[in-house]
PDB file of N, CA and C in Angstrom:
ATOM      1  N   MET A   1      90.920  80.995 118.952  1.00  0.00           N
ATOM      2  CA  MET A   1      91.785  80.883 118.529  1.00  0.00           C
ATOM      3  C   MET A   1      92.788  81.766 119.014  1.00  0.00           C
ATOM      4  N   ASN A   2      94.222  80.220 119.368  1.00  0.00           N
ATOM      5  CA  ASN A   2      95.203  80.672 120.018  1.00  0.00           C
ATOM      6  C   ASN A   2      96.535  80.770 119.636  1.00  0.00           C
ATOM      7  N   SER A   3      96.547  81.511 118.056  1.00  0.00           N
ATOM      8  CA  SER A   3      97.877  81.683 117.256  1.00  0.00           C
ATOM      9  C   SER A   3      98.378  82.855 118.468  1.00  0.00           C
ATOM     10  N   LYS A   4      99.876  82.940 117.904  1.00  0.00           N
ATOM     11  CA  LYS A   4     100.587  84.076 118.462  1.00  0.00           C
ATOM     12  C   LYS A   4     100.389  85.420 118.264  1.00  0.00           C
ATOM     13  N   ALA A   5      99.629  84.976 116.658  1.00  0.00           N
ATOM     14  CA  ALA A   5      99.328  86.213 115.772  1.00  0.00           C
ATOM     15  C   ALA A   5      98.765  87.072 116.714  1.00  0.00           C
ATOM     16  N   TYR A   6      97.309  86.074 116.912  1.00  0.00           N
ATOM     17  CA  TYR A   6      95.746  86.511 117.568  1.00  0.00           C
ATOM     18  C   TYR A   6      96.304  87.030 119.134  1.00  0.00           C
ATOM     19  N   ILE A   7      97.065  86.241 119.433  1.00  0.00           N
ATOM     20  CA  ILE A   7      97.280  86.653 121.262  1.00  0.00           C
ATOM     21  C   ILE A   7      97.791  88.071 121.158  1.00  0.00           C
ATOM     22  N   ARG A   8      98.931  88.498 120.346  1.00  0.00           N
ATOM     23  CA  ARG A   8      99.313  89.482 120.178  1.00  0.00           C
ATOM     24  C   ARG A   8      98.570  90.710 119.558  1.00  0.00           C
ATOM     25  N   HIS A   9      97.578  90.532 118.842  1.00  0.00           N
ATOM     26  CA  HIS A   9      96.871  91.350 117.653  1.00  0.00           C
ATOM     27  C   HIS A   9      96.155  92.712 118.819  1.00  0.00           C
ATOM     28  N   HIS A  10      96.105  93.748 118.284  1.00  0.00           N
ATOM     29  CA  HIS A  10      95.927  94.745 119.181  1.00  0.00           C
ATOM     30  C   HIS A  10      94.108  95.038 118.675  1.00  0.00           C
ATOM     31  N   ASP A  11      93.475  95.790 119.228  1.00  0.00           N
ATOM     32  CA  ASP A  11      92.229  96.281 118.505  1.00  0.00           C
ATOM     33  C   ASP A  11      92.710  97.052 117.689  1.00  0.00           C
ATOM     34  N   ASP A  12      91.635  97.657 116.706  1.00  0.00           N
ATOM     35  CA  ASP A  12      91.843  98.512 115.696  1.00  0.00           C
ATOM     36  C   ASP A  12      91.805 100.172 116.262  1.00  0.00           C
ATOM     37  N   PRO A  13      93.042 100.470 116.363  1.00  0.00           N
ATOM     38  CA  PRO A  13      93.239 101.313 116.980  1.00  0.00           C
ATOM     39  C   PRO A  13      93.070 102.499 115.962  1.00  0.00           C
ATOM     40  N   TRP A  14      92.507 104.034 116.076  1.00  0.00           N
ATOM     41  CA  TRP A  14      92.393 104.900 115.177  1.00  0.00           C
ATOM     42  C   TRP A  14      92.962 106.266 115.650  1.00  0.00           C
ATOM     43  N   GLY A  15      93.503 107.008 115.270  1.00  0.00           N
ATOM     44  CA  GLY A  15      94.340 108.648 115.150  1.00  0.00           C
ATOM     45  C   GLY A  15      95.518 108.329 116.046  1.00  0.00           C
ATOM     46  N   LEU A  16      95.851 109.426 117.229  1.00  0.00           N
ATOM     47  CA  LEU A  16      97.107 109.328 117.910  1.00  0.00           C
ATOM     48  C   LEU A  16      97.509 107.941 118.474  1.00  0.00           C
ATOM     49  N   GLU A  17      96.368 106.839 118.830  1.00  0.00           N
ATOM     50  CA  GLU A  17      96.279 105.678 119.006  1.00  0.00           C
ATOM     51  C   GLU A  17      97.073 104.955 117.959  1.00  0.00           C
ATOM     52  N   MET A  18      96.633 105.026 116.889  1.00  0.00           N
ATOM     53  CA  MET A  18      97.364 104.537 115.763  1.00  0.00           C
ATOM     54  C   MET A  18      98.728 104.323 115.670  1.00  0.00           C
ATOM     55  N   TYR A  19      99.294 105.596 115.730  1.00  0.00           N
ATOM     56  CA  TYR A  19     100.724 106.031 115.626  1.00  0.00           C
ATOM     57  C   TYR A  19     101.506 105.882 116.841  1.00  0.00           C
ATOM     58  N   ARG A  20     100.837 105.626 118.094  1.00  0.00           N
ATOM     59  CA  ARG A  20     101.606 105.471 119.059  1.00  0.00           C
ATOM     60  C   ARG A  20     101.726 104.031 119.266  1.00  0.00           C
ATOM     61  N   LYS A  21     100.719 102.660 119.045  1.00  0.00           N
ATOM     62  CA  LYS A  21     101.055 101.625 118.367  1.00  0.00           C
ATOM     63  C   LYS A  21     101.963 100.935 117.590  1.00  0.00           C
ATOM     64  N   LEU A  22     102.054 101.975 116.698  1.00  0.00           N
ATOM     65  CA  LEU A  22     103.117 101.680 115.185  1.00  0.00           C
ATOM     66  C   LEU A  22     104.434 102.321 115.734  1.00  0.00           C
ATOM     67  N   ALA A  23     104.386 103.191 116.693  1.00  0.00           N
ATOM     68  CA  ALA A  23     106.099 103.403 117.330  1.00  0.00           C
ATOM     69  C   ALA A  23     106.501 102.888 118.114  1.00  0.00           C
ATOM     70  N   GLU A  24     105.426 102.005 118.962  1.00  0.00           N
ATOM     71  CA  GLU A  24     105.764 100.831 120.031  1.00  0.00           C
ATOM     72  C   GLU A  24     105.862  99.376 119.220  1.00  0.00           C
ATOM     73  N   SER A  25     105.686  99.244 117.885  1.00  0.00           N
ATOM     74  CA  SER A  25     105.770  97.912 117.695  1.00  0.00           C
ATOM     75  C   SER A  25     107.249  97.528 117.118  1.00  0.00           C
ATOM     76  N   LYS A  26     107.488  96.446 117.166  1.00  0.00           N
ATOM     77  CA  LYS A  26     108.613  96.033 116.633  1.00  0.00           C
ATOM     78  C   LYS A  26     108.296  95.669 114.991  1.00  0.00           C
ATOM     79  N   ILE A  27     107.294  95.033 114.623  1.00  0.00           N
ATOM     80  CA  ILE A  27     107.159  94.394 113.214  1.00  0.00           C
ATOM     81  C   ILE A  27     105.801  95.174 113.024  1.00  0.00           C
ATOM     82  N   THR A  28     105.874  95.199 111.628  1.00  0.00           N
ATOM     83  CA  THR A  28     104.421  95.685 111.094  1.00  0.00           C
ATOM     84  C   THR A  28     104.222  95.321 110.208  1.00  0.00           C
ATOM     85  N   LEU A  29     102.741  94.061 110.146  1.00  0.00           N
ATOM     86  CA  LEU A  29     102.991  93.892 108.804  1.00  0.00           C
ATOM     87  C   LEU A  29     101.694  94.298 108.022  1.00  0.00           C
ATOM     88  N   ASN A  30     102.249  94.473 106.367  1.00  0.00           N
ATOM     89  CA  ASN A  30     101.466  94.840 105.628  1.00  0.00           C
ATOM     90  C   ASN A  30     100.940  93.812 104.510  1.00  0.00           C
ATOM     91  N   CYS A  31      99.996  94.105 104.159  1.00  0.00           N
ATOM     92  CA  CYS A  31      99.450  93.102 102.612  1.00  0.00           C
ATOM     93  C   CYS A  31      98.382  93.851 102.107  1.00  0.00           C
ATOM     94  N   HIS A  32      98.576  94.076 101.156  1.00  0.00           N
ATOM     95  CA  HIS A  32      97.843  94.807 100.090  1.00  0.00           C
ATOM     96  C   HIS A  32      96.378  93.869  99.240  1.00  0.00           C
ATOM     97  N   GLU A  33      95.541  94.778  99.419  1.00  0.00           N
ATOM     98  CA  GLU A  33      94.401  94.333  98.979  1.00  0.00           C
ATOM     99  C   GLU A  33      94.404  93.679  97.882  1.00  0.00           C
ATOM    100  N   GLU A  34      93.510  92.972  96.955  1.00  0.00           N
ATOM    101  CA  GLU A  34      93.268  92.356  95.668  1.00  0.00           C
ATOM    102  C   GLU A  34      93.382  93.729  94.688  1.00  0.00           C
ATOM    103  N   ILE A  35      92.752  94.683  95.325  1.00  0.00           N
ATOM    104  CA  ILE A  35      92.834  95.761  94.128  1.00  0.00           C
ATOM    105  C   ILE A  35      93.567  96.528  93.434  1.00  0.00           C
ATOM    106  N   ALA A  36      94.984  96.473  94.664  1.00  0.00           N
ATOM    107  CA  ALA A  36      95.985  97.229  94.327  1.00  0.00           C
ATOM    108  C   ALA A  36      96.546  96.495  93.425  1.00  0.00           C
ATOM    109  N   GLY A  37      96.183  95.220  92.638  1.00  0.00           N
ATOM    110  CA  GLY A  37      96.890  94.729  91.706  1.00  0.00           C
ATOM    111  C   GLY A  37      98.547  94.621  91.392  1.00  0.00           C
ATOM    112  N   ASN A  38      99.377  94.853  91.278  1.00  0.00           N
ATOM    113  CA  ASN A  38     100.844  95.070  91.150  1.00  0.00           C
ATOM    114  C   ASN A  38     101.767  96.285  91.856  1.00  0.00           C
ATOM    115  N   TYR A  39     100.991  97.075  92.337  1.00  0.00           N
ATOM    116  CA  TYR A  39     101.292  98.596  92.943  1.00  0.00           C
ATOM    117  C   TYR A  39     100.934  98.573  94.466  1.00  0.00           C
ATOM    118  N   ALA A  40     102.055  98.823  94.879  1.00  0.00           N
ATOM    119  CA  ALA A  40     102.024  99.302  96.533  1.00  0.00           C
ATOM    120  C   ALA A  40     100.801 100.609  96.272  1.00  0.00           C
ATOM    121  N   SER A  41     100.118 100.591  97.329  1.00  0.00           N
ATOM    122  CA  SER A  41      99.120 101.984  96.948  1.00  0.00           C
ATOM    123  C   SER A  41      98.712 102.561  98.450  1.00  0.00           C
ATOM    124  N   ASN A  42      99.061 101.227  99.655  1.00  0.00           N
ATOM    125  CA  ASN A  42      97.994 101.823 101.048  1.00  0.00           C
ATOM    126  C   ASN A  42      98.747 103.066 101.684  1.00  0.00           C
ATOM    127  N   MET A  43      97.940 103.469 102.683  1.00  0.00           N
ATOM    128  CA  MET A  43      98.875 104.401 103.539  1.00  0.00           C
ATOM    129  C   MET A  43      99.651 104.007 104.872  1.00  0.00           C
ATOM    130  N   ARG A  44      99.471 102.288 104.850  1.00  0.00           N
ATOM    131  CA  ARG A  44     100.233 101.876 105.970  1.00  0.00           C
ATOM    132  C   ARG A  44     101.791 101.862 105.551  1.00  0.00           C
ATOM    133  N   LEU A  45     101.906 101.983 104.433  1.00  0.00           N
ATOM    134  CA  LEU A  45     103.449 102.180 103.958  1.00  0.00           C
ATOM    135  C   LEU A  45     104.130 103.334 104.479  1.00  0.00           C
ATOM    136  N   TYR A  46     103.737 104.166 104.810  1.00  0.00           N
ATOM    137  CA  TYR A  46     104.017 105.565 104.740  1.00  0.00           C
ATOM    138  C   TYR A  46     103.673 105.793 106.491  1.00  0.00           C
ATOM    139  N   LYS A  47     102.365 104.975 107.224  1.00  0.00           N
ATOM    140  CA  LYS A  47     102.231 105.443 108.332  1.00  0.00           C
ATOM    141  C   LYS A  47     103.167 104.937 109.234  1.00  0.00           C
ATOM    142  N   ALA A  48     103.194 103.071 108.873  1.00  0.00           N
ATOM    143  CA  ALA A  48     104.230 102.729 109.705  1.00  0.00           C
ATOM    144  C   ALA A  48     105.811 103.085 109.799  1.00  0.00           C
ATOM    145  N   THR A  49     106.466 103.584 108.673  1.00  0.00           N
ATOM    146  CA  THR A  49     107.862 103.600 108.058  1.00  0.00           C
ATOM    147  C   THR A  49     108.074 104.845 109.175  1.00  0.00           C
ATOM    148  N   GLY A  50     106.969 105.780 108.974  1.00  0.00           N
ATOM    149  CA  GLY A  50     107.042 107.152 109.226  1.00  0.00           C
ATOM    150  C   GLY A  50     107.218 107.526 110.828  1.00  0.00           C
ATOM    151  N   MET A  51     106.744 106.351 111.248  1.00  0.00           N
ATOM    152  CA  MET A  51     106.743 106.013 112.828  1.00  0.00           C
ATOM    153  C   MET A  51     108.109 105.137 113.227  1.00  0.00           C
ATOM    154  N   GLY A  52     108.805 104.744 111.960  1.00  0.00           N
ATOM    155  CA  GLY A  52     110.090 104.274 113.080  1.00  0.00           C
ATOM    156  C   GLY A  52     109.507 102.751 112.721  1.00  0.00           C
ATOM    157  N   ALA A  53     108.549 101.926 112.622  1.00  0.00           N
ATOM    158  CA  ALA A  53     108.253 100.463 112.657  1.00  0.00           C
ATOM    159  C   ALA A  53     109.369  99.597 111.330  1.00  0.00           C
ATOM    160  N   CYS A  54     109.395  98.860 111.641  1.00  0.00           N
ATOM    161  CA  CYS A  54     109.879  97.552 110.658  1.00  0.00           C
ATOM    162  C   CYS A  54     108.913  97.064 109.797  1.00  0.00           C
ATOM    163  N   LEU A  55     108.570  97.586 108.651  1.00  0.00           N
ATOM    164  CA  LEU A  55     107.607  97.352 107.629  1.00  0.00           C
ATOM    165  C   LEU A  55     108.322  96.251 107.058  1.00  0.00           C
ATOM    166  N   ILE A  56     107.244  95.043 107.066  1.00  0.00           N
ATOM    167  CA  ILE A  56     107.251  93.781 106.319  1.00  0.00           C
ATOM    168  C   ILE A  56     106.189  93.665 105.178  1.00  0.00           C
ATOM    169  N   THR A  57     106.341  93.605 104.007  1.00  0.00           N
ATOM    170  CA  THR A  57     105.192  93.932 103.326  1.00  0.00           C
ATOM    171  C   THR A  57     105.128  92.870 102.076  1.00  0.00           C
ATOM    172  N   ASP A  58     103.719  92.597 100.988  1.00  0.00           N
ATOM    173  CA  ASP A  58     104.000  92.082 100.121  1.00  0.00           C
ATOM    174  C   ASP A  58     104.868  92.766  99.121  1.00  0.00           C
ATOM    175  N   TRP A  59     105.669  92.232  98.147  1.00  0.00           N
ATOM    176  CA  TRP A  59     106.319  92.425  96.943  1.00  0.00           C
ATOM    177  C   TRP A  59     105.373  93.192  95.719  1.00  0.00           C
ATOM    178  N   LYS A  60     105.663  94.672  95.516  1.00  0.00           N
ATOM    179  CA  LYS A  60     104.575  95.090  94.229  1.00  0.00           C
ATOM    180  C   LYS A  60     105.675  95.594  93.658  1.00  0.00           C
ATOM    181  N   GLU A  61     105.387  95.477  92.564  1.00  0.00           N
ATOM    182  CA  GLU A  61     106.521  96.546  91.181  1.00  0.00           C
ATOM    183  C   GLU A  61     107.094  97.722  91.375  1.00  0.00           C
ATOM    184  N   ASN A  62     106.383  98.494  92.064  1.00  0.00           N
ATOM    185  CA  ASN A  62     106.705  99.851  92.367  1.00  0.00           C
ATOM    186  C   ASN A  62     107.675 100.249  93.468  1.00  0.00           C
ATOM    187  N   LEU A  63     107.456  99.284  94.325  1.00  0.00           N
ATOM    188  CA  LEU A  63     108.379  99.623  95.921  1.00  0.00           C
ATOM    189  C   LEU A  63     109.673 100.256  96.006  1.00  0.00           C
ATOM    190  N   PRO A  64     110.424  99.284  95.020  1.00  0.00           N
ATOM    191  CA  PRO A  64     111.501 100.083  94.826  1.00  0.00           C
ATOM    192  C   PRO A  64     111.720 101.602  94.684  1.00  0.00           C
ATOM    193  N   ASN A  65     110.585 102.072  93.508  1.00  0.00           N
ATOM    194  CA  ASN A  65     110.545 103.795  93.613  1.00  0.00           C
ATOM    195  C   ASN A  65     110.311 104.620  94.615  1.00  0.00           C
ATOM    196  N   ILE A  66     109.594 103.886  95.698  1.00  0.00           N
ATOM    197  CA  ILE A  66     109.161 104.472  97.189  1.00  0.00           C
ATOM    198  C   ILE A  66     110.166 104.327  98.315  1.00  0.00           C
ATOM    199  N   PHE A  67     110.487 103.139  98.274  1.00  0.00           N
ATOM    200  CA  PHE A  67     111.641 102.990  99.639  1.00  0.00           C
ATOM    201  C   PHE A  67     112.913 101.883  98.911  1.00  0.00           C
ATOM    202  N   GLU A  68     114.062 102.021  99.618  1.00  0.00           N
ATOM    203  CA  GLU A  68     115.089 101.509  99.232  1.00  0.00           C
ATOM    204  C   GLU A  68     114.684  99.905  99.856  1.00  0.00           C
ATOM    205  N   PRO A  69     114.278  98.439  99.338  1.00  0.00           N
ATOM    206  CA  PRO A  69     114.064  97.388 100.231  1.00  0.00           C
ATOM    207  C   PRO A  69     115.490  96.968 100.671  1.00  0.00           C
ATOM    208  N   ASP A  70     115.103  95.988 101.820  1.00  0.00           N
ATOM    209  CA  ASP A  70     115.987  95.545 102.830  1.00  0.00           C
ATOM    210  C   ASP A  70     117.052  96.848 103.672  1.00  0.00           C
ATOM    211  N   LEU A  71     116.287  98.227 103.275  1.00  0.00           N
ATOM    212  CA  LEU A  71     117.436  98.941 104.020  1.00  0.00           C
ATOM    213  C   LEU A  71     116.028  99.997 104.664  1.00  0.00           C
ATOM    214  N   GLU A  72     114.900 100.045 104.170  1.00  0.00           N
ATOM    215  CA  GLU A  72     113.991 101.078 104.672  1.00  0.00           C
ATOM    216  C   GLU A  72     112.790 100.163 104.982  1.00  0.00           C
ATOM    217  N   ILE A  73     112.515  99.174 104.212  1.00  0.00           N
ATOM    218  CA  ILE A  73     111.413  98.139 104.574  1.00  0.00           C
ATOM    219  C   ILE A  73     111.567  96.665 104.020  1.00  0.00           C
ATOM    220  N   VAL A  74     111.349  95.727 104.558  1.00  0.00           N
ATOM    221  CA  VAL A  74     111.347  94.046 104.252  1.00  0.00           C
ATOM    222  C   VAL A  74     110.430  93.879 103.339  1.00  0.00           C
ATOM    223  N   ILE A  75     110.780  93.204 101.930  1.00  0.00           N
ATOM    224  CA  ILE A  75     109.640  92.348 101.095  1.00  0.00           C
ATOM    225  C   ILE A  75     109.582  91.270 101.069  1.00  0.00           C
ATOM    226  N   TYR A  76     108.363  90.656 101.151  1.00  0.00           N
ATOM    227  CA  TYR A  76     107.881  88.859 100.708  1.00  0.00           C
ATOM    228  C   TYR A  76     107.308  88.867  99.800  1.00  0.00           C
ATOM    229  N   ARG A  77     107.635  87.782  99.041  1.00  0.00           N
ATOM    230  CA  ARG A  77     107.245  87.523  98.033  1.00  0.00           C
ATOM    231  C   ARG A  77     106.244  85.656  97.708  1.00  0.00           C
ATOM    232  N   SER A  78     106.519  85.533  99.162  1.00  0.00           N
ATOM    233  CA  SER A  78     105.905  84.090  99.353  1.00  0.00           C
ATOM    234  C   SER A  78     105.802  84.107 100.973  1.00  0.00           C
ATOM    235  N   LEU A  79     104.922  83.293 101.575  1.00  0.00           N
ATOM    236  CA  LEU A  79     104.963  82.662 102.851  1.00  0.00           C
ATOM    237  C   LEU A  79     105.925  82.465 103.848  1.00  0.00           C
ATOM    238  N   ASP A  80     106.868  81.718 102.961  1.00  0.00           N
ATOM    239  CA  ASP A  80     107.976  81.347 103.316  1.00  0.00           C
ATOM    240  C   ASP A  80     109.165  82.537 103.715  1.00  0.00           C
ATOM    241  N   LYS A  81     109.084  83.554 102.710  1.00  0.00           N
ATOM    242  CA  LYS A  81     109.832  84.163 102.982  1.00  0.00           C
ATOM    243  C   LYS A  81     109.296  85.107 104.389  1.00  0.00           C
ATOM    244  N   LEU A  82     108.172  85.542 103.874  1.00  0.00           N
ATOM    245  CA  LEU A  82     107.444  86.340 105.251  1.00  0.00           C
ATOM    246  C   LEU A  82     107.336  85.778 106.326  1.00  0.00           C
ATOM    247  N   VAL A  83     107.593  84.358 106.872  1.00  0.00           N
ATOM    248  CA  VAL A  83     107.720  83.573 108.057  1.00  0.00           C
ATOM    249  C   VAL A  83     109.591  84.089 108.523  1.00  0.00           C
ATOM    250  N   SER A  84     110.440  83.929 107.354  1.00  0.00           N
ATOM    251  CA  SER A  84     111.845  83.700 107.966  1.00  0.00           C
ATOM    252  C   SER A  84     112.296  85.406 108.282  1.00  0.00           C
ATOM    253  N   SER A  85     111.525  86.362 107.268  1.00  0.00           N
ATOM    254  CA  SER A  85     111.743  87.466 108.290  1.00  0.00           C
ATOM    255  C   SER A  85     111.170  87.981 109.308  1.00  0.00           C
ATOM    256  N   VAL A  86     110.486  87.348 109.867  1.00  0.00           N
ATOM    257  CA  VAL A  86     109.602  87.726 110.855  1.00  0.00           C
ATOM    258  C   VAL A  86     110.139  86.792 112.147  1.00  0.00           C
ATOM    259  N   MET A  87     111.386  85.916 111.812  1.00  0.00           N
ATOM    260  CA  MET A  87     111.677  85.357 112.643  1.00  0.00           C
ATOM    261  C   MET A  87     113.127  85.569 112.765  1.00  0.00           C
TER     262      MET A  87
END
């Protein structure tokens, strides 16, 4: 596979190495599993923002209760919005 995302993908680090990668990253993408429904619920939200990464995540109705959109996190509702946010 030759996509830029695949080329830049890192192995799945764990523990302190995971936190180092998040701290070094310019952008961290997040997408909730279908089981989450309309609610943000995964730990990447907190791990990435806690390490200072720019988090781009899919829209969930409770996100404004957790973070201030476009200040603390970037939210996308479509693939076009995701692409424009990354560019």
